[in-house]
Amino acid sequence: MFVWVVIISDMGMRNNFKLLVALLFVLAFCSNELLAQRWNRYRKEFSFSVGASNMLSDLGGGPGDGSRFGDFQFPTSSYVVGVSWKYRIHNHMALKANILFTELKGDDKASKNLGRKIRNLDVKTSLIEFSGQYEFYLLRERIGSRYKLKKVKGYGSSNFSLYLFAGLGGAYYTPQGTNKKGDYVGLADLNTEGQGLKGAPKDYNQLTFVFPVGLGLKYNITHLVGVQFEYGMRFTTTDYLDDVSTTYFDGDALENAFGVVSKEMADKRYNKSGRHSEGGIRGNSRKNDFYMFGLLSLTYRWKSRAKSRVRL
C-alpha cells in the first residue's frame, strides 16, 4: 500500500512539474511576443537635422584630372538643415520622408590642379531636396519601459541602433557664381555654354532626380527622445549643379544672344590669351554631379494610442 502511495505521489509531482514547465514556456513566449510588439506603439518619429554638405562636381577638386572621391575638398563644405518624418513598418524596417535645404559649393581657386585654377570658375548652388528612403535596421534599438529598472529590458539589443538606407527623391537647384567684383550672379538663365543655340547643348532642367544611399547610427536618450547621425550620398541625373558640363562657347555669340553678363560669366580666364574663344574643355559631361550630407538630428517619437474596445 505504501509503495502505491509513493508511486502515485511521484506521478503527481512529475505531472505538476511538466505543467509548471509548460506554463513557464507559455508565459515566456507571451512575454516575448508582447515585447516584440512594442515597436507597434512607437511607429511615428519626427526629427530636426543640421549638418554639413559637400559637392563633387566639375569645379575645384584635387591635383589630378578628376575622380569621384579624390576631388573631395573640406574647405568647400557648407551647411544643411532639414526635417524628417519616419514611420516604422516592421521592427527591422522603416520609411522616412525628408525635406532638406543646403548650399553646395565648388571653387577652382581651392584646387591644386593648375588647369582648374586658370579656369577660375566658382559656384554656390542653393538646393532644396524632397526625398523618401527605406531603412533596414542591422541593430535594433531598445523600445521599452520609460524607467531604467534593473533586469527589466525593453525590446531590442541596446539604446543604439544601426541602419542602412536607400531611397528616391527630387531636388530643385539654383546655381550662382561670382563676377569680377565678387558679387553673386544667377547662372541658369545666362546659358553660359550656349544652351539653345546651334551647336550647343540643350538648356538644362533645374529639377533633378536624387538617389540617396547611406547609413545611420542612433542613440536613445529616453524612450521618446534620441540623437542620430546619418551619412548619405546623393547621386543625381544632372551635370549642371555647378552650371558646368561641356566646352566653352563663342563669347561674341553669347553676348549677342544673352547679353554681356553671359559672356563674362561663361569664361573667367582673365589672364589667358584667347579668352572667349570657342572650344576648349570647360567641364566633363561623362560624369553627373554628386553631393553628400552628414546630418546630426534630434529625434522625437510618440506613443500611439491603444485602440479602445467597443462594449455592447
C-alpha atoms as a PDB file:
ATOM      1  CA  MET A   1       0.000   0.000   0.000  1.00  0.00           C
ATOM      2  CA  PHE A   2       2.825   2.384   0.871  1.00  0.00           C
ATOM      3  CA  VAL A   3       4.501   1.643  -2.446  1.00  0.00           C
ATOM      4  CA  TRP A   4       1.390   2.580  -4.370  1.00  0.00           C
ATOM      5  CA  VAL A   5       1.103   5.856  -2.469  1.00  0.00           C
ATOM      6  CA  VAL A   6       4.730   6.705  -3.288  1.00  0.00           C
ATOM      7  CA  ILE A   7       4.236   5.859  -6.957  1.00  0.00           C
ATOM      8  CA  ILE A   8       1.048   7.883  -7.207  1.00  0.00           C
ATOM      9  CA  SER A   9       2.686  10.779  -5.363  1.00  0.00           C
ATOM     10  CA  ASP A  10       5.718  10.640  -7.663  1.00  0.00           C
ATOM     11  CA  MET A  11       3.492  10.626 -10.737  1.00  0.00           C
ATOM     12  CA  GLY A  12       1.643  13.643  -9.394  1.00  0.00           C
ATOM     13  CA  MET A  13       4.879  15.532  -8.827  1.00  0.00           C
ATOM     14  CA  ARG A  14       6.038  14.697 -12.332  1.00  0.00           C
ATOM     15  CA  ASN A  15       2.748  15.887 -13.810  1.00  0.00           C
ATOM     16  CA  ASN A  16       2.911  19.053 -11.750  1.00  0.00           C
ATOM     17  CA  PHE A  17       6.483  19.626 -12.868  1.00  0.00           C
ATOM     18  CA  LYS A  18       5.522  19.166 -16.515  1.00  0.00           C
ATOM     19  CA  LEU A  19       2.592  21.502 -16.032  1.00  0.00           C
ATOM     20  CA  LEU A  20       4.878  24.094 -14.415  1.00  0.00           C
ATOM     21  CA  VAL A  21       7.389  23.842 -17.269  1.00  0.00           C
ATOM     22  CA  ALA A  22       4.577  24.216 -19.806  1.00  0.00           C
ATOM     23  CA  LEU A  23       3.207  27.270 -18.003  1.00  0.00           C
ATOM     24  CA  LEU A  24       6.653  28.870 -17.823  1.00  0.00           C
ATOM     25  CA  PHE A  25       7.164  28.258 -21.538  1.00  0.00           C
ATOM     26  CA  VAL A  26       3.790  29.816 -22.396  1.00  0.00           C
ATOM     27  CA  LEU A  27       4.488  32.820 -20.163  1.00  0.00           C
ATOM     28  CA  ALA A  28       7.926  33.301 -21.673  1.00  0.00           C
ATOM     29  CA  PHE A  29       6.520  33.072 -25.203  1.00  0.00           C
ATOM     30  CA  CYS A  30       3.700  35.517 -24.470  1.00  0.00           C
ATOM     31  CA  SER A  31       6.094  37.913 -22.743  1.00  0.00           C
ATOM     32  CA  ASN A  32       8.442  37.842 -25.723  1.00  0.00           C
ATOM     33  CA  GLU A  33       5.549  38.420 -28.104  1.00  0.00           C
ATOM     34  CA  LEU A  34       4.380  41.395 -26.053  1.00  0.00           C
ATOM     35  CA  LEU A  35       7.889  42.876 -26.066  1.00  0.00           C
ATOM     36  CA  ALA A  36       8.214  42.235 -29.774  1.00  0.00           C
ATOM     37  CA  GLN A  37       5.043  44.218 -30.417  1.00  0.00           C
ATOM     38  CA  ARG A  38       6.195  47.320 -28.552  1.00  0.00           C
ATOM     39  CA  TRP A  39       7.569  48.835 -31.735  1.00  0.00           C
ATOM     40  CA  ASN A  40       3.922  48.984 -32.884  1.00  0.00           C
ATOM     41  CA  ARG A  41       3.248  51.595 -30.212  1.00  0.00           C
ATOM     42  CA  TYR A  42       6.171  53.784 -31.320  1.00  0.00           C
ATOM     43  CA  ARG A  43       5.808  53.825 -35.093  1.00  0.00           C
ATOM     44  CA  LYS A  44       5.968  57.595 -35.675  1.00  0.00           C
ATOM     45  CA  GLU A  45       9.074  59.714 -35.291  1.00  0.00           C
ATOM     46  CA  PHE A  46       9.927  63.336 -36.116  1.00  0.00           C
ATOM     47  CA  SER A  47      13.456  64.719 -36.408  1.00  0.00           C
ATOM     48  CA  PHE A  48      15.161  68.079 -36.895  1.00  0.00           C
ATOM     49  CA  SER A  49      18.578  67.950 -38.533  1.00  0.00           C
ATOM     50  CA  VAL A  50      21.599  70.171 -39.027  1.00  0.00           C
ATOM     51  CA  GLY A  51      24.901  69.247 -40.587  1.00  0.00           C
ATOM     52  CA  ALA A  52      27.415  69.645 -43.383  1.00  0.00           C
ATOM     53  CA  SER A  53      27.179  69.189 -47.138  1.00  0.00           C
ATOM     54  CA  ASN A  54      29.742  68.769 -49.865  1.00  0.00           C
ATOM     55  CA  MET A  55      29.539  68.520 -53.646  1.00  0.00           C
ATOM     56  CA  LEU A  56      31.705  66.604 -56.088  1.00  0.00           C
ATOM     57  CA  SER A  57      31.301  68.299 -59.448  1.00  0.00           C
ATOM     58  CA  ASP A  58      33.394  69.731 -62.270  1.00  0.00           C
ATOM     59  CA  LEU A  59      34.700  72.606 -60.146  1.00  0.00           C
ATOM     60  CA  GLY A  60      37.528  72.533 -57.625  1.00  0.00           C
ATOM     61  CA  GLY A  61      38.948  69.150 -56.754  1.00  0.00           C
ATOM     62  CA  GLY A  62      42.329  67.577 -56.185  1.00  0.00           C
ATOM     63  CA  PRO A  63      45.570  67.798 -58.150  1.00  0.00           C
ATOM     64  CA  GLY A  64      44.597  65.047 -60.605  1.00  0.00           C
ATOM     65  CA  ASP A  65      42.343  65.115 -63.646  1.00  0.00           C
ATOM     66  CA  GLY A  66      39.290  64.220 -61.592  1.00  0.00           C
ATOM     67  CA  SER A  67      37.896  61.230 -59.729  1.00  0.00           C
ATOM     68  CA  ARG A  68      34.742  60.552 -57.765  1.00  0.00           C
ATOM     69  CA  PHE A  69      36.136  60.841 -54.236  1.00  0.00           C
ATOM     70  CA  GLY A  70      39.626  62.125 -54.977  1.00  0.00           C
ATOM     71  CA  ASP A  71      38.127  65.566 -55.618  1.00  0.00           C
ATOM     72  CA  PHE A  72      36.664  65.900 -52.123  1.00  0.00           C
ATOM     73  CA  GLN A  73      37.634  69.235 -50.561  1.00  0.00           C
ATOM     74  CA  PHE A  74      36.773  70.081 -46.965  1.00  0.00           C
ATOM     75  CA  PRO A  75      37.066  73.902 -47.452  1.00  0.00           C
ATOM     76  CA  THR A  76      34.087  73.876 -49.846  1.00  0.00           C
ATOM     77  CA  SER A  77      31.822  72.161 -47.326  1.00  0.00           C
ATOM     78  CA  SER A  78      28.669  74.045 -46.436  1.00  0.00           C
ATOM     79  CA  TYR A  79      25.633  73.737 -44.163  1.00  0.00           C
ATOM     80  CA  VAL A  80      22.424  71.712 -44.437  1.00  0.00           C
ATOM     81  CA  VAL A  81      19.213  71.907 -42.384  1.00  0.00           C
ATOM     82  CA  GLY A  82      16.074  69.846 -42.607  1.00  0.00           C
ATOM     83  CA  VAL A  83      13.207  67.943 -41.071  1.00  0.00           C
ATOM     84  CA  SER A  84      12.151  64.317 -41.408  1.00  0.00           C
ATOM     85  CA  TRP A  85       9.186  62.129 -40.570  1.00  0.00           C
ATOM     86  CA  LYS A  86       9.655  58.396 -40.030  1.00  0.00           C
ATOM     87  CA  TYR A  87       7.118  55.569 -39.853  1.00  0.00           C
ATOM     88  CA  ARG A  88       8.016  52.073 -38.694  1.00  0.00           C
ATOM     89  CA  ILE A  89       6.537  49.369 -40.918  1.00  0.00           C
ATOM     90  CA  HIS A  90       8.316  46.497 -39.155  1.00  0.00           C
ATOM     91  CA  ASN A  91      10.629  46.072 -36.182  1.00  0.00           C
ATOM     92  CA  HIS A  92      13.525  45.886 -38.677  1.00  0.00           C
ATOM     93  CA  MET A  93      12.261  48.391 -41.261  1.00  0.00           C
ATOM     94  CA  ALA A  94      11.053  51.983 -41.582  1.00  0.00           C
ATOM     95  CA  LEU A  95      10.088  54.545 -44.202  1.00  0.00           C
ATOM     96  CA  LYS A  96      11.218  58.168 -43.909  1.00  0.00           C
ATOM     97  CA  ALA A  97      10.336  61.406 -45.728  1.00  0.00           C
ATOM     98  CA  ASN A  98      12.889  64.248 -45.818  1.00  0.00           C
ATOM     99  CA  ILE A  99      12.870  67.958 -46.617  1.00  0.00           C
ATOM    100  CA  LEU A 100      16.428  69.319 -46.703  1.00  0.00           C
ATOM    101  CA  PHE A 101      17.951  72.648 -47.714  1.00  0.00           C
ATOM    102  CA  THR A 102      21.602  73.313 -48.429  1.00  0.00           C
ATOM    103  CA  GLU A 103      24.056  75.483 -50.331  1.00  0.00           C
ATOM    104  CA  LEU A 104      26.517  73.424 -52.340  1.00  0.00           C
ATOM    105  CA  LYS A 105      29.855  74.995 -53.215  1.00  0.00           C
ATOM    106  CA  GLY A 106      32.657  74.469 -55.696  1.00  0.00           C
ATOM    107  CA  ASP A 107      35.657  76.691 -56.393  1.00  0.00           C
ATOM    108  CA  ASP A 108      38.563  76.290 -58.800  1.00  0.00           C
ATOM    109  CA  LYS A 109      40.670  78.604 -56.651  1.00  0.00           C
ATOM    110  CA  ALA A 110      40.680  75.908 -53.950  1.00  0.00           C
ATOM    111  CA  SER A 111      42.023  73.276 -56.369  1.00  0.00           C
ATOM    112  CA  LYS A 112      45.650  72.177 -56.604  1.00  0.00           C
ATOM    113  CA  ASN A 113      45.188  71.467 -60.303  1.00  0.00           C
ATOM    114  CA  LEU A 114      46.795  74.251 -62.375  1.00  0.00           C
ATOM    115  CA  GLY A 115      44.345  73.928 -65.259  1.00  0.00           C
ATOM    116  CA  ARG A 116      41.386  74.349 -62.932  1.00  0.00           C
ATOM    117  CA  LYS A 117      42.984  77.326 -61.226  1.00  0.00           C
ATOM    118  CA  ILE A 118      43.333  79.006 -64.624  1.00  0.00           C
ATOM    119  CA  ARG A 119      39.686  78.170 -65.437  1.00  0.00           C
ATOM    120  CA  ASN A 120      38.793  80.162 -62.297  1.00  0.00           C
ATOM    121  CA  LEU A 121      35.103  79.207 -62.082  1.00  0.00           C
ATOM    122  CA  ASP A 122      33.154  79.005 -58.843  1.00  0.00           C
ATOM    123  CA  VAL A 123      29.584  78.237 -57.785  1.00  0.00           C
ATOM    124  CA  LYS A 124      27.220  78.440 -54.848  1.00  0.00           C
ATOM    125  CA  THR A 125      24.116  76.341 -55.517  1.00  0.00           C
ATOM    126  CA  SER A 126      21.028  76.659 -53.366  1.00  0.00           C
ATOM    127  CA  LEU A 127      19.229  73.318 -53.331  1.00  0.00           C
ATOM    128  CA  ILE A 128      16.068  72.002 -51.723  1.00  0.00           C
ATOM    129  CA  GLU A 129      15.557  68.250 -51.641  1.00  0.00           C
ATOM    130  CA  PHE A 130      12.367  66.245 -51.160  1.00  0.00           C
ATOM    131  CA  SER A 131      13.150  62.576 -50.729  1.00  0.00           C
ATOM    132  CA  GLY A 132      11.907  59.322 -49.294  1.00  0.00           C
ATOM    133  CA  GLN A 133      14.039  56.490 -48.013  1.00  0.00           C
ATOM    134  CA  TYR A 134      13.706  52.889 -46.894  1.00  0.00           C
ATOM    135  CA  GLU A 135      15.668  51.953 -43.773  1.00  0.00           C
ATOM    136  CA  PHE A 136      16.771  48.472 -42.727  1.00  0.00           C
ATOM    137  CA  TYR A 137      17.999  48.047 -39.158  1.00  0.00           C
ATOM    138  CA  LEU A 138      21.079  45.900 -38.628  1.00  0.00           C
ATOM    139  CA  LEU A 139      20.938  46.677 -34.901  1.00  0.00           C
ATOM    140  CA  ARG A 140      17.559  47.348 -33.308  1.00  0.00           C
ATOM    141  CA  GLU A 141      17.118  49.980 -30.662  1.00  0.00           C
ATOM    142  CA  ARG A 142      15.560  49.206 -27.296  1.00  0.00           C
ATOM    143  CA  ILE A 143      11.899  50.119 -27.057  1.00  0.00           C
ATOM    144  CA  GLY A 144      10.566  49.550 -23.583  1.00  0.00           C
ATOM    145  CA  SER A 145       9.932  50.947 -20.174  1.00  0.00           C
ATOM    146  CA  ARG A 146      10.479  54.645 -19.554  1.00  0.00           C
ATOM    147  CA  TYR A 147      12.082  53.763 -16.222  1.00  0.00           C
ATOM    148  CA  LYS A 148      15.529  52.198 -16.052  1.00  0.00           C
ATOM    149  CA  LEU A 149      14.744  49.270 -13.783  1.00  0.00           C
ATOM    150  CA  LYS A 150      17.287  46.578 -13.089  1.00  0.00           C
ATOM    151  CA  LYS A 151      16.737  43.359 -15.005  1.00  0.00           C
ATOM    152  CA  VAL A 152      13.831  44.937 -16.919  1.00  0.00           C
ATOM    153  CA  LYS A 153      14.718  45.408 -20.570  1.00  0.00           C
ATOM    154  CA  GLY A 154      12.707  46.609 -23.494  1.00  0.00           C
ATOM    155  CA  TYR A 155      12.577  45.116 -26.953  1.00  0.00           C
ATOM    156  CA  GLY A 156      15.870  45.337 -28.853  1.00  0.00           C
ATOM    157  CA  SER A 157      19.524  44.898 -28.056  1.00  0.00           C
ATOM    158  CA  SER A 158      20.525  48.315 -26.647  1.00  0.00           C
ATOM    159  CA  ASN A 159      19.900  52.044 -26.748  1.00  0.00           C
ATOM    160  CA  PHE A 160      21.858  52.113 -30.012  1.00  0.00           C
ATOM    161  CA  SER A 161      20.505  51.306 -33.441  1.00  0.00           C
ATOM    162  CA  LEU A 162      22.356  50.970 -36.736  1.00  0.00           C
ATOM    163  CA  TYR A 163      20.695  51.036 -40.142  1.00  0.00           C
ATOM    164  CA  LEU A 164      21.297  51.233 -43.871  1.00  0.00           C
ATOM    165  CA  PHE A 165      19.093  53.229 -46.214  1.00  0.00           C
ATOM    166  CA  ALA A 166      18.337  53.825 -49.861  1.00  0.00           C
ATOM    167  CA  GLY A 167      15.717  55.985 -51.494  1.00  0.00           C
ATOM    168  CA  LEU A 168      14.439  58.234 -54.247  1.00  0.00           C
ATOM    169  CA  GLY A 169      13.669  61.922 -54.412  1.00  0.00           C
ATOM    170  CA  GLY A 170      13.830  65.150 -56.329  1.00  0.00           C
ATOM    171  CA  ALA A 171      15.684  68.436 -55.915  1.00  0.00           C
ATOM    172  CA  TYR A 172      15.391  71.962 -57.253  1.00  0.00           C
ATOM    173  CA  TYR A 173      18.663  73.873 -57.552  1.00  0.00           C
ATOM    174  CA  THR A 174      19.774  77.413 -58.388  1.00  0.00           C
ATOM    175  CA  PRO A 175      23.483  77.895 -59.238  1.00  0.00           C
ATOM    176  CA  GLN A 176      25.194  81.254 -58.740  1.00  0.00           C
ATOM    177  CA  GLY A 177      28.727  82.397 -59.499  1.00  0.00           C
ATOM    178  CA  THR A 178      30.804  85.444 -58.616  1.00  0.00           C
ATOM    179  CA  ASN A 179      31.601  88.150 -61.135  1.00  0.00           C
ATOM    180  CA  LYS A 180      34.857  90.127 -61.278  1.00  0.00           C
ATOM    181  CA  LYS A 181      33.650  92.351 -58.425  1.00  0.00           C
ATOM    182  CA  GLY A 182      32.896  89.341 -56.238  1.00  0.00           C
ATOM    183  CA  ASP A 183      29.099  89.720 -56.421  1.00  0.00           C
ATOM    184  CA  TYR A 184      26.959  86.611 -56.924  1.00  0.00           C
ATOM    185  CA  VAL A 185      25.102  86.313 -60.240  1.00  0.00           C
ATOM    186  CA  GLY A 186      22.461  83.736 -61.181  1.00  0.00           C
ATOM    187  CA  LEU A 187      23.819  81.376 -63.840  1.00  0.00           C
ATOM    188  CA  ALA A 188      20.948  79.218 -65.093  1.00  0.00           C
ATOM    189  CA  ASP A 189      19.350  81.955 -67.227  1.00  0.00           C
ATOM    190  CA  LEU A 190      22.682  83.070 -68.718  1.00  0.00           C
ATOM    191  CA  ASN A 191      23.140  79.882 -70.784  1.00  0.00           C
ATOM    192  CA  THR A 192      26.888  80.042 -70.240  1.00  0.00           C
ATOM    193  CA  GLU A 193      27.572  77.084 -72.547  1.00  0.00           C
ATOM    194  CA  GLY A 194      25.313  78.434 -75.302  1.00  0.00           C
ATOM    195  CA  GLN A 195      22.324  76.317 -74.349  1.00  0.00           C
ATOM    196  CA  GLY A 196      19.657  76.578 -77.026  1.00  0.00           C
ATOM    197  CA  LEU A 197      21.964  77.937 -79.722  1.00  0.00           C
ATOM    198  CA  LYS A 198      23.077  75.981 -82.783  1.00  0.00           C
ATOM    199  CA  GLY A 199      25.852  73.536 -81.976  1.00  0.00           C
ATOM    200  CA  ALA A 200      25.356  73.929 -78.219  1.00  0.00           C
ATOM    201  CA  PRO A 201      23.764  71.587 -75.694  1.00  0.00           C
ATOM    202  CA  LYS A 202      20.086  71.803 -74.756  1.00  0.00           C
ATOM    203  CA  ASP A 203      19.007  74.016 -71.886  1.00  0.00           C
ATOM    204  CA  TYR A 204      19.244  72.115 -68.605  1.00  0.00           C
ATOM    205  CA  ASN A 205      16.407  71.474 -66.193  1.00  0.00           C
ATOM    206  CA  GLN A 206      16.832  72.849 -62.671  1.00  0.00           C
ATOM    207  CA  LEU A 207      14.917  69.845 -61.341  1.00  0.00           C
ATOM    208  CA  THR A 208      16.819  66.593 -60.876  1.00  0.00           C
ATOM    209  CA  PHE A 209      16.166  63.143 -59.516  1.00  0.00           C
ATOM    210  CA  VAL A 210      18.251  62.200 -56.482  1.00  0.00           C
ATOM    211  CA  PHE A 211      19.072  58.735 -55.207  1.00  0.00           C
ATOM    212  CA  PRO A 212      20.072  58.772 -51.518  1.00  0.00           C
ATOM    213  CA  VAL A 213      22.104  55.889 -50.071  1.00  0.00           C
ATOM    214  CA  GLY A 214      23.943  55.691 -46.769  1.00  0.00           C
ATOM    215  CA  LEU A 215      23.906  54.607 -43.148  1.00  0.00           C
ATOM    216  CA  GLY A 216      22.798  55.947 -39.791  1.00  0.00           C
ATOM    217  CA  LEU A 217      23.524  55.480 -36.100  1.00  0.00           C
ATOM    218  CA  LYS A 218      21.047  56.444 -33.377  1.00  0.00           C
ATOM    219  CA  TYR A 219      21.196  56.639 -29.579  1.00  0.00           C
ATOM    220  CA  ASN A 220      18.084  56.842 -27.400  1.00  0.00           C
ATOM    221  CA  ILE A 221      18.445  59.362 -24.584  1.00  0.00           C
ATOM    222  CA  THR A 222      14.992  58.420 -23.264  1.00  0.00           C
ATOM    223  CA  HIS A 223      12.253  56.159 -24.535  1.00  0.00           C
ATOM    224  CA  LEU A 224      10.971  59.111 -26.635  1.00  0.00           C
ATOM    225  CA  VAL A 225      13.982  61.355 -27.381  1.00  0.00           C
ATOM    226  CA  GLY A 226      17.162  60.405 -29.225  1.00  0.00           C
ATOM    227  CA  VAL A 227      20.127  61.729 -31.178  1.00  0.00           C
ATOM    228  CA  GLN A 228      21.111  60.407 -34.567  1.00  0.00           C
ATOM    229  CA  PHE A 229      23.992  60.727 -37.023  1.00  0.00           C
ATOM    230  CA  GLU A 230      23.416  59.939 -40.673  1.00  0.00           C
ATOM    231  CA  TYR A 231      25.775  59.997 -43.646  1.00  0.00           C
ATOM    232  CA  GLY A 232      24.142  59.939 -47.056  1.00  0.00           C
ATOM    233  CA  MET A 233      25.401  60.195 -50.623  1.00  0.00           C
ATOM    234  CA  ARG A 234      23.137  61.728 -53.263  1.00  0.00           C
ATOM    235  CA  PHE A 235      23.515  60.538 -56.848  1.00  0.00           C
ATOM    236  CA  THR A 236      21.790  62.826 -59.374  1.00  0.00           C
ATOM    237  CA  THR A 237      20.696  62.815 -63.006  1.00  0.00           C
ATOM    238  CA  THR A 238      22.261  66.188 -63.867  1.00  0.00           C
ATOM    239  CA  ASP A 239      25.737  67.514 -64.598  1.00  0.00           C
ATOM    240  CA  TYR A 240      24.714  71.135 -64.046  1.00  0.00           C
ATOM    241  CA  LEU A 241      24.587  71.578 -60.283  1.00  0.00           C
ATOM    242  CA  ASP A 242      27.633  73.784 -60.860  1.00  0.00           C
ATOM    243  CA  ASP A 243      26.481  75.159 -64.269  1.00  0.00           C
ATOM    244  CA  VAL A 244      29.496  73.471 -65.890  1.00  0.00           C
ATOM    245  CA  SER A 245      29.463  70.416 -68.143  1.00  0.00           C
ATOM    246  CA  THR A 246      30.872  70.646 -71.693  1.00  0.00           C
ATOM    247  CA  THR A 247      33.051  73.136 -73.620  1.00  0.00           C
ATOM    248  CA  TYR A 248      33.479  76.889 -73.989  1.00  0.00           C
ATOM    249  CA  PHE A 249      31.086  78.569 -76.417  1.00  0.00           C
ATOM    250  CA  ASP A 250      31.960  81.566 -78.593  1.00  0.00           C
ATOM    251  CA  GLY A 251      31.835  84.650 -76.350  1.00  0.00           C
ATOM    252  CA  ASP A 252      30.537  87.038 -79.002  1.00  0.00           C
ATOM    253  CA  ALA A 253      27.675  84.663 -79.821  1.00  0.00           C
ATOM    254  CA  LEU A 254      26.776  84.511 -76.120  1.00  0.00           C
ATOM    255  CA  GLU A 255      26.785  88.297 -75.871  1.00  0.00           C
ATOM    256  CA  ASN A 256      24.571  88.680 -78.944  1.00  0.00           C
ATOM    257  CA  ALA A 257      22.069  86.091 -77.715  1.00  0.00           C
ATOM    258  CA  PHE A 258      22.040  86.537 -73.931  1.00  0.00           C
ATOM    259  CA  GLY A 259      23.949  89.720 -73.095  1.00  0.00           C
ATOM    260  CA  VAL A 260      27.401  90.725 -71.920  1.00  0.00           C
ATOM    261  CA  VAL A 261      26.933  89.178 -68.459  1.00  0.00           C
ATOM    262  CA  SER A 262      26.566  85.738 -70.065  1.00  0.00           C
ATOM    263  CA  LYS A 263      29.824  86.255 -71.939  1.00  0.00           C
ATOM    264  CA  GLU A 264      31.701  87.371 -68.833  1.00  0.00           C
ATOM    265  CA  MET A 265      30.429  84.614 -66.555  1.00  0.00           C
ATOM    266  CA  ALA A 266      30.988  81.853 -69.118  1.00  0.00           C
ATOM    267  CA  ASP A 267      34.746  82.410 -69.330  1.00  0.00           C
ATOM    268  CA  LYS A 268      36.646  83.780 -66.328  1.00  0.00           C
ATOM    269  CA  ARG A 269      40.162  83.000 -67.541  1.00  0.00           C
ATOM    270  CA  TYR A 270      41.056  86.636 -67.008  1.00  0.00           C
ATOM    271  CA  ASN A 271      44.806  86.321 -67.631  1.00  0.00           C
ATOM    272  CA  LYS A 272      44.657  83.867 -70.517  1.00  0.00           C
ATOM    273  CA  SER A 273      45.096  84.875 -74.137  1.00  0.00           C
ATOM    274  CA  GLY A 274      42.301  83.736 -76.399  1.00  0.00           C
ATOM    275  CA  ARG A 275      39.676  84.248 -73.725  1.00  0.00           C
ATOM    276  CA  HIS A 276      36.070  83.985 -75.025  1.00  0.00           C
ATOM    277  CA  SER A 277      37.152  81.826 -77.968  1.00  0.00           C
ATOM    278  CA  GLU A 278      35.074  78.750 -78.791  1.00  0.00           C
ATOM    279  CA  GLY A 279      36.239  75.256 -77.903  1.00  0.00           C
ATOM    280  CA  GLY A 280      38.373  74.035 -75.092  1.00  0.00           C
ATOM    281  CA  ILE A 281      37.331  71.876 -72.179  1.00  0.00           C
ATOM    282  CA  ARG A 282      35.101  73.629 -69.642  1.00  0.00           C
ATOM    283  CA  GLY A 283      33.708  70.541 -67.878  1.00  0.00           C
ATOM    284  CA  ASN A 284      33.301  66.769 -68.073  1.00  0.00           C
ATOM    285  CA  SER A 285      29.868  65.696 -69.310  1.00  0.00           C
ATOM    286  CA  ARG A 286      30.617  61.999 -68.783  1.00  0.00           C
ATOM    287  CA  LYS A 287      30.047  62.247 -65.021  1.00  0.00           C
ATOM    288  CA  ASN A 288      26.942  63.616 -63.348  1.00  0.00           C
ATOM    289  CA  ASP A 289      27.313  65.799 -60.288  1.00  0.00           C
ATOM    290  CA  PHE A 290      27.076  64.245 -56.857  1.00  0.00           C
ATOM    291  CA  TYR A 291      26.608  65.589 -53.335  1.00  0.00           C
ATOM    292  CA  MET A 292      26.558  64.281 -49.791  1.00  0.00           C
ATOM    293  CA  PHE A 293      25.185  65.114 -46.359  1.00  0.00           C
ATOM    294  CA  GLY A 294      26.412  64.471 -42.834  1.00  0.00           C
ATOM    295  CA  LEU A 295      23.403  65.052 -40.567  1.00  0.00           C
ATOM    296  CA  LEU A 296      23.125  65.313 -36.791  1.00  0.00           C
ATOM    297  CA  SER A 297      19.491  65.000 -35.728  1.00  0.00           C
ATOM    298  CA  LEU A 298      17.374  65.347 -32.631  1.00  0.00           C
ATOM    299  CA  THR A 299      14.556  62.816 -32.816  1.00  0.00           C
ATOM    300  CA  TYR A 300      11.230  62.551 -31.025  1.00  0.00           C
ATOM    301  CA  ARG A 301       8.788  59.687 -31.280  1.00  0.00           C
ATOM    302  CA  TRP A 302       5.383  59.494 -29.745  1.00  0.00           C
ATOM    303  CA  LYS A 303       3.362  56.590 -28.480  1.00  0.00           C
ATOM    304  CA  SER A 304       0.277  55.665 -30.430  1.00  0.00           C
ATOM    305  CA  ARG A 305      -2.952  55.441 -28.511  1.00  0.00           C
ATOM    306  CA  ALA A 306      -4.243  51.959 -27.824  1.00  0.00           C
ATOM    307  CA  LYS A 307      -7.398  51.095 -29.723  1.00  0.00           C
ATOM    308  CA  SER A 308     -10.346  51.148 -27.378  1.00  0.00           C
ATOM    309  CA  ARG A 309     -12.648  48.152 -27.275  1.00  0.00           C
ATOM    310  CA  VAL A 310     -16.303  48.709 -28.037  1.00  0.00           C
ATOM    311  CA  ARG A 311     -18.535  47.053 -25.477  1.00  0.00           C
ATOM    312  CA  LEU A 312     -22.127  46.217 -26.239  1.00  0.00           C
END
